[in-house]
C-alpha atoms as a PDB file:
ATOM      1  CA  MET A   1      19.397 -24.229   6.160  1.00  0.00           C
ATOM      2  CA  LYS A   2      17.747 -21.761   8.658  1.00  0.00           C
ATOM      3  CA  LYS A   3      15.585 -18.567   8.366  1.00  0.00           C
ATOM      4  CA  SER A   4      15.563 -15.529  10.189  1.00  0.00           C
ATOM      5  CA  ARG A   5      12.740 -14.277  12.587  1.00  0.00           C
ATOM      6  CA  ILE A   6      11.805 -11.462  14.518  1.00  0.00           C
ATOM      7  CA  LEU A   7      12.328 -12.914  18.596  1.00  0.00           C
ATOM      8  CA  GLY A   8      11.590  -9.256  20.070  1.00  0.00           C
ATOM      9  CA  ALA A   9      10.807  -5.546  19.154  1.00  0.00           C
ATOM     10  CA  GLY A  10      11.291  -2.560  21.091  1.00  0.00           C
ATOM     11  CA  HIS A  11      11.836   1.211  21.245  1.00  0.00           C
ATOM     12  CA  TYR A  12      12.710   4.379  22.868  1.00  0.00           C
ATOM     13  CA  VAL A  13      11.413   7.977  22.599  1.00  0.00           C
ATOM     14  CA  PRO A  14      12.589  11.410  24.360  1.00  0.00           C
ATOM     15  CA  GLU A  15      10.626  12.358  27.010  1.00  0.00           C
ATOM     16  CA  ARG A  16       9.964  15.967  25.766  1.00  0.00           C
ATOM     17  CA  VAL A  17       7.351  16.172  23.791  1.00  0.00           C
ATOM     18  CA  VAL A  18       6.252  19.186  20.987  1.00  0.00           C
ATOM     19  CA  THR A  19       2.865  19.984  19.934  1.00  0.00           C
ATOM     20  CA  ASN A  20       1.680  21.784  17.041  1.00  0.00           C
ATOM     21  CA  GLU A  21       0.903  25.058  19.421  1.00  0.00           C
ATOM     22  CA  GLU A  22       4.376  24.943  20.382  1.00  0.00           C
ATOM     23  CA  LEU A  23       5.408  25.261  17.010  1.00  0.00           C
ATOM     24  CA  SER A  24       3.113  27.632  15.827  1.00  0.00           C
ATOM     25  CA  ARG A  25       4.856  29.580  18.142  1.00  0.00           C
ATOM     26  CA  MET A  26       8.488  29.262  16.054  1.00  0.00           C
ATOM     27  CA  MET A  27       6.909  29.864  12.552  1.00  0.00           C
ATOM     28  CA  ASN A  28       4.008  30.474  10.602  1.00  0.00           C
ATOM     29  CA  THR A  29       1.967  27.974  11.098  1.00  0.00           C
ATOM     30  CA  THR A  30      -1.206  26.359  12.835  1.00  0.00           C
ATOM     31  CA  ASP A  31      -2.269  23.056  14.412  1.00  0.00           C
ATOM     32  CA  GLU A  32      -5.202  22.776  11.943  1.00  0.00           C
ATOM     33  CA  TRP A  33      -2.193  23.794   8.770  1.00  0.00           C
ATOM     34  CA  ILE A  34      -0.291  20.957  10.251  1.00  0.00           C
ATOM     35  CA  VAL A  35      -2.832  18.514  10.661  1.00  0.00           C
ATOM     36  CA  GLU A  36      -4.635  18.705   7.429  1.00  0.00           C
ATOM     37  CA  ARG A  37      -1.358  17.693   5.757  1.00  0.00           C
ATOM     38  CA  THR A  38       0.364  15.125   8.153  1.00  0.00           C
ATOM     39  CA  GLY A  39      -2.119  13.943  10.687  1.00  0.00           C
ATOM     40  CA  ILE A  40       0.664  14.827  13.330  1.00  0.00           C
ATOM     41  CA  HIS A  41      -0.367  16.666  16.189  1.00  0.00           C
ATOM     42  CA  GLU A  42       2.545  16.342  18.140  1.00  0.00           C
ATOM     43  CA  ARG A  43       6.003  14.804  18.307  1.00  0.00           C
ATOM     44  CA  ARG A  44       9.007  13.956  20.180  1.00  0.00           C
ATOM     45  CA  TRP A  45      12.251  16.064  20.195  1.00  0.00           C
ATOM     46  CA  PHE A  46      15.131  15.157  22.001  1.00  0.00           C
ATOM     47  CA  THR A  47      16.601  17.072  24.934  1.00  0.00           C
ATOM     48  CA  ALA A  48      20.657  18.167  24.181  1.00  0.00           C
ATOM     49  CA  GLY A  49      22.963  16.711  26.728  1.00  0.00           C
ATOM     50  CA  VAL A  50      20.467  13.852  28.000  1.00  0.00           C
ATOM     51  CA  ASP A  51      19.055  11.886  24.473  1.00  0.00           C
ATOM     52  CA  THR A  52      21.974  10.723  21.996  1.00  0.00           C
ATOM     53  CA  VAL A  53      21.207   8.487  19.159  1.00  0.00           C
ATOM     54  CA  THR A  54      23.586   6.025  21.191  1.00  0.00           C
ATOM     55  CA  ASN A  55      21.682   6.012  24.173  1.00  0.00           C
ATOM     56  CA  MET A  56      18.572   5.939  22.600  1.00  0.00           C
ATOM     57  CA  SER A  57      18.983   2.966  20.487  1.00  0.00           C
ATOM     58  CA  ALA A  58      20.712   1.283  23.880  1.00  0.00           C
ATOM     59  CA  LYS A  59      16.844   1.779  25.585  1.00  0.00           C
ATOM     60  CA  ALA A  60      15.434   0.515  22.639  1.00  0.00           C
ATOM     61  CA  SER A  61      17.840  -2.846  22.130  1.00  0.00           C
ATOM     62  CA  GLN A  62      18.016  -3.816  25.548  1.00  0.00           C
ATOM     63  CA  MET A  63      13.876  -3.664  25.576  1.00  0.00           C
ATOM     64  CA  ALA A  64      13.893  -5.832  22.557  1.00  0.00           C
ATOM     65  CA  MET A  65      16.328  -8.076  24.041  1.00  0.00           C
ATOM     66  CA  LYS A  66      14.725  -8.471  27.059  1.00  0.00           C
ATOM     67  CA  ARG A  67      11.243  -9.525  25.574  1.00  0.00           C
ATOM     68  CA  ALA A  68      13.248 -11.839  23.134  1.00  0.00           C
ATOM     69  CA  GLY A  69      14.560 -13.457  26.114  1.00  0.00           C
ATOM     70  CA  VAL A  70      18.200 -13.246  25.472  1.00  0.00           C
ATOM     71  CA  GLU A  71      21.272 -11.557  27.021  1.00  0.00           C
ATOM     72  CA  PRO A  72      23.642  -8.909  24.934  1.00  0.00           C
ATOM     73  CA  GLN A  73      26.123 -11.666  25.424  1.00  0.00           C
ATOM     74  CA  ASP A  74      24.153 -13.590  22.688  1.00  0.00           C
ATOM     75  CA  ILE A  75      24.402 -10.834  20.091  1.00  0.00           C
ATOM     76  CA  GLU A  76      26.383 -11.651  17.109  1.00  0.00           C
ATOM     77  CA  PHE A  77      26.456  -8.595  14.639  1.00  0.00           C
ATOM     78  CA  ILE A  78      24.701  -5.176  14.453  1.00  0.00           C
ATOM     79  CA  VAL A  79      22.784  -3.471  11.572  1.00  0.00           C
ATOM     80  CA  PHE A  80      22.369   0.010  12.390  1.00  0.00           C
ATOM     81  CA  ALA A  81      19.908   2.151  10.022  1.00  0.00           C
ATOM     82  CA  THR A  82      20.497   5.870  10.780  1.00  0.00           C
ATOM     83  CA  ILE A  83      21.433   9.053   8.794  1.00  0.00           C
ATOM     84  CA  THR A  84      21.939  11.107  12.139  1.00  0.00           C
ATOM     85  CA  SER A  85      24.932   9.287  13.611  1.00  0.00           C
ATOM     86  CA  ASP A  86      26.054  10.905  16.882  1.00  0.00           C
ATOM     87  CA  TYR A  87      29.140  11.366  15.000  1.00  0.00           C
ATOM     88  CA  PHE A  88      30.108  12.198  11.776  1.00  0.00           C
ATOM     89  CA  LEU A  89      32.656   9.032  11.770  1.00  0.00           C
ATOM     90  CA  PRO A  90      32.742   6.547  12.717  1.00  0.00           C
ATOM     91  CA  GLY A  91      29.301   4.946  12.365  1.00  0.00           C
ATOM     92  CA  ASN A  92      26.494   4.576  15.193  1.00  0.00           C
ATOM     93  CA  GLY A  93      27.115   0.497  15.302  1.00  0.00           C
ATOM     94  CA  VAL A  94      30.212   0.856  17.003  1.00  0.00           C
ATOM     95  CA  LEU A  95      29.296   3.264  19.549  1.00  0.00           C
ATOM     96  CA  LEU A  96      25.606   1.473  20.638  1.00  0.00           C
ATOM     97  CA  GLN A  97      28.147  -1.514  20.548  1.00  0.00           C
ATOM     98  CA  ARG A  98      30.060   0.065  23.095  1.00  0.00           C
ATOM     99  CA  GLU A  99      27.067   1.073  24.844  1.00  0.00           C
ATOM    100  CA  LEU A 100      25.631  -2.599  25.128  1.00  0.00           C
ATOM    101  CA  GLY A 101      28.994  -3.714  26.172  1.00  0.00           C
ATOM    102  CA  LEU A 102      29.556  -6.492  23.121  1.00  0.00           C
ATOM    103  CA  THR A 103      33.078  -6.849  22.457  1.00  0.00           C
ATOM    104  CA  SER A 104      34.492  -7.224  19.347  1.00  0.00           C
ATOM    105  CA  VAL A 105      31.302  -7.843  17.839  1.00  0.00           C
ATOM    106  CA  GLY A 106      30.880  -6.248  13.932  1.00  0.00           C
ATOM    107  CA  ALA A 107      28.683  -3.588  13.330  1.00  0.00           C
ATOM    108  CA  LEU A 108      27.535  -1.880   9.527  1.00  0.00           C
ATOM    109  CA  GLU A 109      25.859   1.213   9.468  1.00  0.00           C
ATOM    110  CA  VAL A 110      23.180   1.607   6.857  1.00  0.00           C
ATOM    111  CA  LYS A 111      22.609   4.926   5.524  1.00  0.00           C
ATOM    112  CA  ASN A 112      19.143   4.729   3.271  1.00  0.00           C
ATOM    113  CA  ALA A 113      16.999   7.546   5.356  1.00  0.00           C
ATOM    114  CA  CYS A 114      13.422   6.167   5.400  1.00  0.00           C
ATOM    115  CA  SER A 115      13.938   2.767   4.085  1.00  0.00           C
ATOM    116  CA  GLY A 116      17.140   2.141   6.227  1.00  0.00           C
ATOM    117  CA  PHE A 117      14.958  -0.149   8.830  1.00  0.00           C
ATOM    118  CA  VAL A 118      13.970  -2.614   5.862  1.00  0.00           C
ATOM    119  CA  TYR A 119      16.922  -2.571   4.075  1.00  0.00           C
ATOM    120  CA  ALA A 120      18.924  -3.056   7.557  1.00  0.00           C
ATOM    121  CA  LEU A 121      16.854  -6.474   7.930  1.00  0.00           C
ATOM    122  CA  SER A 122      17.191  -7.142   4.450  1.00  0.00           C
ATOM    123  CA  VAL A 123      20.956  -7.673   5.074  1.00  0.00           C
ATOM    124  CA  ALA A 124      20.248  -8.804   8.541  1.00  0.00           C
ATOM    125  CA  ASP A 125      18.220 -11.547   7.100  1.00  0.00           C
ATOM    126  CA  GLN A 126      20.887 -12.265   4.720  1.00  0.00           C
ATOM    127  CA  PHE A 127      23.249 -12.963   7.117  1.00  0.00           C
ATOM    128  CA  ILE A 128      21.610 -14.962   9.064  1.00  0.00           C
ATOM    129  CA  LYS A 129      20.092 -17.349   5.996  1.00  0.00           C
ATOM    130  CA  SER A 130      23.757 -17.652   5.141  1.00  0.00           C
ATOM    131  CA  GLY A 131      24.529 -19.476   8.570  1.00  0.00           C
ATOM    132  CA  MET A 132      27.030 -16.845   9.524  1.00  0.00           C
ATOM    133  CA  TYR A 133      24.774 -15.239  12.232  1.00  0.00           C
ATOM    134  CA  LYS A 134      22.573 -16.691  14.894  1.00  0.00           C
ATOM    135  CA  LYS A 135      21.236 -13.411  15.929  1.00  0.00           C
ATOM    136  CA  ILE A 136      21.322 -10.174  15.113  1.00  0.00           C
ATOM    137  CA  LEU A 137      20.346  -6.688  16.216  1.00  0.00           C
ATOM    138  CA  VAL A 138      18.670  -4.349  13.841  1.00  0.00           C
ATOM    139  CA  VAL A 139      18.003  -1.005  14.856  1.00  0.00           C
ATOM    140  CA  GLY A 140      16.705   2.056  13.203  1.00  0.00           C
ATOM    141  CA  ALA A 141      17.328   5.468  15.248  1.00  0.00           C
ATOM    142  CA  GLU A 142      17.249   9.203  14.558  1.00  0.00           C
ATOM    143  CA  ILE A 143      17.975  12.789  16.070  1.00  0.00           C
ATOM    144  CA  GLN A 144      16.608  14.985  13.148  1.00  0.00           C
ATOM    145  CA  SER A 145      15.175  17.897  15.171  1.00  0.00           C
ATOM    146  CA  SER A 146      18.905  19.344  15.389  1.00  0.00           C
ATOM    147  CA  ALA A 147      18.810  19.886  11.683  1.00  0.00           C
ATOM    148  CA  LEU A 148      15.375  21.378  11.055  1.00  0.00           C
ATOM    149  CA  ASP A 149      14.802  24.609   9.694  1.00  0.00           C
ATOM    150  CA  LYS A 150      12.497  26.068  12.210  1.00  0.00           C
ATOM    151  CA  SER A 151      12.018  29.057  10.376  1.00  0.00           C
ATOM    152  CA  ASP A 152       9.021  29.657   8.092  1.00  0.00           C
ATOM    153  CA  GLU A 153      11.093  28.402   4.758  1.00  0.00           C
ATOM    154  CA  GLY A 154      11.823  25.921   6.879  1.00  0.00           C
ATOM    155  CA  ARG A 155       8.415  24.618   7.831  1.00  0.00           C
ATOM    156  CA  SER A 156       6.758  21.816   5.132  1.00  0.00           C
ATOM    157  CA  SER A 157       9.688  19.498   6.278  1.00  0.00           C
ATOM    158  CA  ALA A 158      10.270  20.974  10.031  1.00  0.00           C
ATOM    159  CA  VAL A 159       6.672  19.808  11.346  1.00  0.00           C
ATOM    160  CA  ILE A 160       6.916  16.462  10.264  1.00  0.00           C
ATOM    161  CA  PHE A 161      10.454  15.290  11.453  1.00  0.00           C
ATOM    162  CA  ALA A 162      11.094  13.435  15.001  1.00  0.00           C
ATOM    163  CA  ASP A 163      13.698  11.713  16.973  1.00  0.00           C
ATOM    164  CA  GLY A 164      13.498   8.233  18.598  1.00  0.00           C
ATOM    165  CA  ALA A 165      15.149   5.011  18.032  1.00  0.00           C
ATOM    166  CA  GLY A 166      13.258   1.128  17.839  1.00  0.00           C
ATOM    167  CA  ALA A 167      15.345  -2.238  17.360  1.00  0.00           C
ATOM    168  CA  VAL A 168      14.339  -5.734  16.946  1.00  0.00           C
ATOM    169  CA  VAL A 169      16.430  -9.350  17.508  1.00  0.00           C
ATOM    170  CA  LEU A 170      16.490 -11.170  14.445  1.00  0.00           C
ATOM    171  CA  GLY A 171      17.128 -15.004  15.302  1.00  0.00           C
ATOM    172  CA  ALA A 172      17.693 -17.858  13.057  1.00  0.00           C
ATOM    173  CA  VAL A 173      15.035 -20.447  13.406  1.00  0.00           C
ATOM    174  CA  GLU A 174      13.967 -23.768  11.575  1.00  0.00           C
ATOM    175  CA  LEU A 175      12.188 -23.765   7.950  1.00  0.00           C
ATOM    176  CA  ASP A 176       8.830 -24.636   9.223  1.00  0.00           C
ATOM    177  CA  GLN A 177       8.631 -21.606  12.077  1.00  0.00           C
ATOM    178  CA  PRO A 178       7.688 -18.061  11.486  1.00  0.00           C
ATOM    179  CA  GLY A 179       9.768 -15.472  10.103  1.00  0.00           C
ATOM    180  CA  ILE A 180      10.754 -13.612   7.570  1.00  0.00           C
ATOM    181  CA  LEU A 181       9.104 -14.515   3.966  1.00  0.00           C
ATOM    182  CA  SER A 182      11.099 -12.069   1.626  1.00  0.00           C
ATOM    183  CA  THR A 183      12.288  -8.422   1.680  1.00  0.00           C
ATOM    184  CA  HIS A 184      12.346  -6.096  -1.808  1.00  0.00           C
ATOM    185  CA  LEU A 185      14.802  -3.703  -1.985  1.00  0.00           C
ATOM    186  CA  HIS A 186      15.010  -0.683  -4.801  1.00  0.00           C
ATOM    187  CA  ALA A 187      16.165   2.651  -5.817  1.00  0.00           C
ATOM    188  CA  ASP A 188      16.016   6.008  -8.400  1.00  0.00           C
ATOM    189  CA  GLY A 189      18.680   7.932  -7.433  1.00  0.00           C
ATOM    190  CA  SER A 190      17.410  10.668 -10.116  1.00  0.00           C
ATOM    191  CA  HIS A 191      15.544  12.014  -7.325  1.00  0.00           C
ATOM    192  CA  ALA A 192      18.024  12.415  -5.031  1.00  0.00           C
ATOM    193  CA  GLU A 193      17.880  16.338  -4.645  1.00  0.00           C
ATOM    194  CA  GLU A 194      14.004  16.344  -4.011  1.00  0.00           C
ATOM    195  CA  LEU A 195      14.784  14.864  -0.047  1.00  0.00           C
ATOM    196  CA  TYR A 196      18.351  15.265   1.050  1.00  0.00           C
ATOM    197  CA  CYS A 197      20.798  17.318   3.048  1.00  0.00           C
ATOM    198  CA  ILE A 198      23.910  19.137   1.448  1.00  0.00           C
ATOM    199  CA  ALA A 199      26.038  19.588   4.245  1.00  0.00           C
ATOM    200  CA  PRO A 200      28.727  18.853   5.890  1.00  0.00           C
ATOM    201  CA  SER A 201      30.205  17.412   2.590  1.00  0.00           C
ATOM    202  CA  SER A 202      33.478  15.639   1.522  1.00  0.00           C
ATOM    203  CA  SER A 203      33.156  17.253  -2.232  1.00  0.00           C
ATOM    204  CA  GLY A 204      34.097  20.451  -1.977  1.00  0.00           C
ATOM    205  CA  LYS A 205      37.214  22.476  -0.708  1.00  0.00           C
ATOM    206  CA  VAL A 206      36.118  21.638   3.157  1.00  0.00           C
ATOM    207  CA  ARG A 207      33.498  20.020   4.841  1.00  0.00           C
ATOM    208  CA  ILE A 208      32.257  22.453   7.014  1.00  0.00           C
ATOM    209  CA  SER A 209      32.330  27.028   6.086  1.00  0.00           C
ATOM    210  CA  GLN A 210      30.507  29.674   7.182  1.00  0.00           C
ATOM    211  CA  GLU A 211      29.175  29.872   3.531  1.00  0.00           C
ATOM    212  CA  MET A 212      27.610  26.321   4.077  1.00  0.00           C
ATOM    213  CA  VAL A 213      25.939  28.280   7.384  1.00  0.00           C
ATOM    214  CA  ASP A 214      24.799  31.320   5.533  1.00  0.00           C
ATOM    215  CA  ARG A 215      22.994  29.224   3.006  1.00  0.00           C
ATOM    216  CA  GLY A 216      21.296  26.481   5.134  1.00  0.00           C
ATOM    217  CA  ASP A 217      23.162  23.751   4.051  1.00  0.00           C
ATOM    218  CA  PHE A 218      22.687  21.807   6.698  1.00  0.00           C
ATOM    219  CA  PHE A 219      18.779  22.075   7.122  1.00  0.00           C
ATOM    220  CA  LEU A 220      16.947  19.006   5.234  1.00  0.00           C
ATOM    221  CA  LYS A 221      15.563  19.965   2.110  1.00  0.00           C
ATOM    222  CA  MET A 222      12.347  18.574   0.410  1.00  0.00           C
ATOM    223  CA  ASN A 223      10.314  18.962  -2.291  1.00  0.00           C
ATOM    224  CA  GLY A 224       7.327  17.350  -0.004  1.00  0.00           C
ATOM    225  CA  ASN A 225       5.066  17.156  -3.447  1.00  0.00           C
ATOM    226  CA  ALA A 226       7.180  15.345  -5.593  1.00  0.00           C
ATOM    227  CA  VAL A 227       7.775  12.558  -2.252  1.00  0.00           C
ATOM    228  CA  PHE A 228       3.723  12.785  -2.142  1.00  0.00           C
ATOM    229  CA  LYS A 229       3.485  11.747  -5.625  1.00  0.00           C
ATOM    230  CA  HIS A 230       6.118   8.802  -5.797  1.00  0.00           C
ATOM    231  CA  ALA A 231       5.647   7.599  -2.593  1.00  0.00           C
ATOM    232  CA  ILE A 232       2.142   6.491  -3.394  1.00  0.00           C
ATOM    233  CA  VAL A 233       3.506   5.089  -6.568  1.00  0.00           C
ATOM    234  CA  ARG A 234       6.315   3.175  -5.127  1.00  0.00           C
ATOM    235  CA  PHE A 235       4.594   1.979  -1.597  1.00  0.00           C
ATOM    236  CA  MET A 236       1.422   0.500  -4.075  1.00  0.00           C
ATOM    237  CA  GLU A 237       3.959  -1.199  -6.403  1.00  0.00           C
ATOM    238  CA  VAL A 238       6.705  -2.843  -3.141  1.00  0.00           C
ATOM    239  CA  ILE A 239       3.712  -4.222  -1.367  1.00  0.00           C
ATOM    240  CA  LYS A 240       2.306  -5.813  -4.354  1.00  0.00           C
ATOM    241  CA  GLU A 241       5.550  -7.210  -5.326  1.00  0.00           C
ATOM    242  CA  ALA A 242       5.879  -8.683  -1.643  1.00  0.00           C
ATOM    243  CA  LEU A 243       2.452 -10.523  -1.831  1.00  0.00           C
ATOM    244  CA  ASP A 244       2.811 -11.210  -5.294  1.00  0.00           C
ATOM    245  CA  HIS A 245       6.597 -13.181  -4.940  1.00  0.00           C
ATOM    246  CA  ASN A 246       4.233 -14.897  -1.466  1.00  0.00           C
ATOM    247  CA  GLY A 247       1.428 -15.775  -3.572  1.00  0.00           C
ATOM    248  CA  VAL A 248      -0.836 -14.327  -1.185  1.00  0.00           C
ATOM    249  CA  THR A 249      -3.158 -12.004  -1.578  1.00  0.00           C
ATOM    250  CA  LYS A 250      -4.133  -8.478   0.394  1.00  0.00           C
ATOM    251  CA  ASP A 251      -6.732  -9.934   2.142  1.00  0.00           C
ATOM    252  CA  GLU A 252      -4.485 -12.480   3.869  1.00  0.00           C
ATOM    253  CA  ILE A 253      -2.176  -9.347   5.601  1.00  0.00           C
ATOM    254  CA  ASP A 254      -3.083  -8.948   9.474  1.00  0.00           C
ATOM    255  CA  LEU A 255      -1.062  -6.235   9.847  1.00  0.00           C
ATOM    256  CA  LEU A 256       0.501  -3.097   7.443  1.00  0.00           C
ATOM    257  CA  VAL A 257       3.141  -1.553   9.188  1.00  0.00           C
ATOM    258  CA  PRO A 258       4.275   1.623   6.507  1.00  0.00           C
ATOM    259  CA  HIS A 259       7.079   3.730   7.315  1.00  0.00           C
ATOM    260  CA  GLN A 260       5.472   7.128   9.137  1.00  0.00           C
ATOM    261  CA  ALA A 261       6.061   9.440   6.151  1.00  0.00           C
ATOM    262  CA  ASN A 262       2.785  11.270   6.302  1.00  0.00           C
ATOM    263  CA  LEU A 263      -0.789  10.464   7.849  1.00  0.00           C
ATOM    264  CA  ARG A 264      -2.366  10.951   4.284  1.00  0.00           C
ATOM    265  CA  ILE A 265       0.073   8.840   2.644  1.00  0.00           C
ATOM    266  CA  SER A 266      -0.797   5.731   4.946  1.00  0.00           C
ATOM    267  CA  GLN A 267      -4.255   7.009   4.580  1.00  0.00           C
ATOM    268  CA  TYR A 268      -4.154   6.744   0.627  1.00  0.00           C
ATOM    269  CA  ILE A 269      -2.173   3.319   0.628  1.00  0.00           C
ATOM    270  CA  GLN A 270      -5.238   1.881   3.013  1.00  0.00           C
ATOM    271  CA  GLN A 271      -8.268   3.124   0.834  1.00  0.00           C
ATOM    272  CA  LYS A 272      -6.644   1.987  -2.434  1.00  0.00           C
ATOM    273  CA  MET A 273      -6.294  -1.714  -0.712  1.00  0.00           C
ATOM    274  CA  GLY A 274      -9.158  -1.509   1.018  1.00  0.00           C
ATOM    275  CA  LEU A 275      -7.869  -2.378   4.483  1.00  0.00           C
ATOM    276  CA  PRO A 276      -9.871  -2.078   8.002  1.00  0.00           C
ATOM    277  CA  ASP A 277      -8.123   0.586  10.654  1.00  0.00           C
ATOM    278  CA  GLU A 278      -7.522  -2.497  12.630  1.00  0.00           C
ATOM    279  CA  ARG A 279      -5.462  -4.141   9.971  1.00  0.00           C
ATOM    280  CA  VAL A 280      -2.804  -0.807   9.408  1.00  0.00           C
ATOM    281  CA  PHE A 281      -0.766   0.251  12.275  1.00  0.00           C
ATOM    282  CA  ASN A 282      -0.122   4.502  12.532  1.00  0.00           C
ATOM    283  CA  ASN A 283       1.406   6.547  15.173  1.00  0.00           C
ATOM    284  CA  ILE A 284       2.882   9.373  13.381  1.00  0.00           C
ATOM    285  CA  MET A 285      -0.195  11.603  15.087  1.00  0.00           C
ATOM    286  CA  TYR A 286       1.753  11.447  18.145  1.00  0.00           C
ATOM    287  CA  LEU A 287       5.591  10.579  17.256  1.00  0.00           C
ATOM    288  CA  GLY A 288       6.061  12.344  13.790  1.00  0.00           C
ATOM    289  CA  ASN A 289       8.510  11.003  11.757  1.00  0.00           C
ATOM    290  CA  THR A 290      11.110   9.048  12.990  1.00  0.00           C
ATOM    291  CA  THR A 291      12.657   8.155   9.281  1.00  0.00           C
ATOM    292  CA  ALA A 292      14.466   5.147  10.413  1.00  0.00           C
ATOM    293  CA  GLY A 293      13.338   4.452  13.377  1.00  0.00           C
ATOM    294  CA  THR A 294       9.529   4.716  12.398  1.00  0.00           C
ATOM    295  CA  ILE A 295       8.718   0.934  11.577  1.00  0.00           C
ATOM    296  CA  PRO A 296      10.818  -0.493  14.648  1.00  0.00           C
ATOM    297  CA  ILE A 297       9.417   1.302  16.900  1.00  0.00           C
ATOM    298  CA  ALA A 298       5.582   0.943  15.412  1.00  0.00           C
ATOM    299  CA  LEU A 299       6.536  -2.613  15.470  1.00  0.00           C
ATOM    300  CA  SER A 300       7.358  -2.618  19.260  1.00  0.00           C
ATOM    301  CA  GLN A 301       4.358  -0.197  20.068  1.00  0.00           C
ATOM    302  CA  ALA A 302       1.812  -2.911  17.793  1.00  0.00           C
ATOM    303  CA  TRP A 303       3.574  -5.943  20.426  1.00  0.00           C
ATOM    304  CA  GLU A 304       2.294  -3.946  23.475  1.00  0.00           C
ATOM    305  CA  GLN A 305      -0.827  -3.112  22.180  1.00  0.00           C
ATOM    306  CA  GLY A 306      -1.401  -6.836  21.423  1.00  0.00           C
ATOM    307  CA  ARG A 307      -1.970  -5.868  17.656  1.00  0.00           C
ATOM    308  CA  LEU A 308       1.014  -8.484  16.949  1.00  0.00           C
ATOM    309  CA  LYS A 309       0.188 -12.704  17.466  1.00  0.00           C
ATOM    310  CA  GLU A 310       2.179 -15.274  16.792  1.00  0.00           C
ATOM    311  CA  GLY A 311       1.695 -16.585  13.303  1.00  0.00           C
ATOM    312  CA  ASP A 312       0.298 -13.155  11.906  1.00  0.00           C
ATOM    313  CA  LEU A 313       0.816 -12.126   8.520  1.00  0.00           C
ATOM    314  CA  VAL A 314       2.628  -9.028   8.176  1.00  0.00           C
ATOM    315  CA  CYS A 315       3.875  -6.560   5.708  1.00  0.00           C
ATOM    316  CA  LEU A 316       6.296  -3.521   6.261  1.00  0.00           C
ATOM    317  CA  ALA A 317       6.712  -0.780   3.514  1.00  0.00           C
ATOM    318  CA  ALA A 318       8.935   2.530   3.123  1.00  0.00           C
ATOM    319  CA  PHE A 319       9.487   4.984   0.985  1.00  0.00           C
ATOM    320  CA  GLY A 320      11.868   8.102   1.792  1.00  0.00           C
ATOM    321  CA  SER A 321      15.117   9.465   0.656  1.00  0.00           C
ATOM    322  CA  GLY A 322      17.198   8.223  -2.169  1.00  0.00           C
ATOM    323  CA  PHE A 323      14.837   8.093  -3.785  1.00  0.00           C
ATOM    324  CA  ALA A 324      14.497   4.266  -2.170  1.00  0.00           C
ATOM    325  CA  TRP A 325      11.819   1.928  -1.403  1.00  0.00           C
ATOM    326  CA  ALA A 326      11.725  -1.212   0.229  1.00  0.00           C
ATOM    327  CA  SER A 327       8.942  -4.413   1.815  1.00  0.00           C
ATOM    328  CA  ALA A 328       9.373  -7.008   4.047  1.00  0.00           C
ATOM    329  CA  LEU A 329       6.974  -9.980   4.226  1.00  0.00           C
ATOM    330  CA  LEU A 330       7.111 -11.769   7.585  1.00  0.00           C
ATOM    331  CA  ARG A 331       4.985 -14.416   9.813  1.00  0.00           C
ATOM    332  CA  TRP A 332       5.025 -13.039  13.657  1.00  0.00           C
END
């Protein structure tokens, strides 16, 4: 039997930098208001006609493969986490497969929003442990800026969400080598409408209508207070679950990589766990919340900055729409 290990990570973010000052010209907000509530100073938004979920994820994947020392033809399967596919259908996994020239390689899409990458990582981990595949590309990528309500009514979410892509190459290794120790997945659909997007919808007479447009059904809807209150509880629970399952303590974590939902949430978790700044990775301040992209982008940047060393104990944790939450504990 084998275990799975992250062999390399990569990322790509659009060139367009959107500052808080620029947002203040679109809606009634200020730099101070945004920073106080989210910790974000700037974020990246895509450029229409230049960036797509497919080409951003391809660039991230190519970086990950180069760092992992593998060729595209070594990849046997793709697990793609996104809620913003380039098409309503098919899923973005097959579009990435085509972009990378991976003929006949299977592709699976995971639509779990903020927890999507950790869910996707867990799925890929099971495939490798079962012996079905030896190398899998796991991707998280989003273009969300095109679906944000950039009016005063939508400012609470419009200032948070951003665009970008991250990817890792997951490979089969021997059981005595570093790798993924465990993953833990949870959901509670009773809170689905606290963070959701109604349209396009298959449950009405038509998927798209003028009424939907007029009502703003295509815009993300978020109850920020409810999300915050649930997030700080579930983050702590699922991190503790991962630690307890593996018989380790929070003091043994070398790096905590939380989903970049809100800097206030990350700082709350850090404070409760008593972790110093150097053992928690945050980049939301200048990249915003890229949903499924946050954790793989963070892993790629953490490795670039020398904050991930071989054998480090790393905890990944995420919470978001669904509500769905997840964690993974691994040796880098």
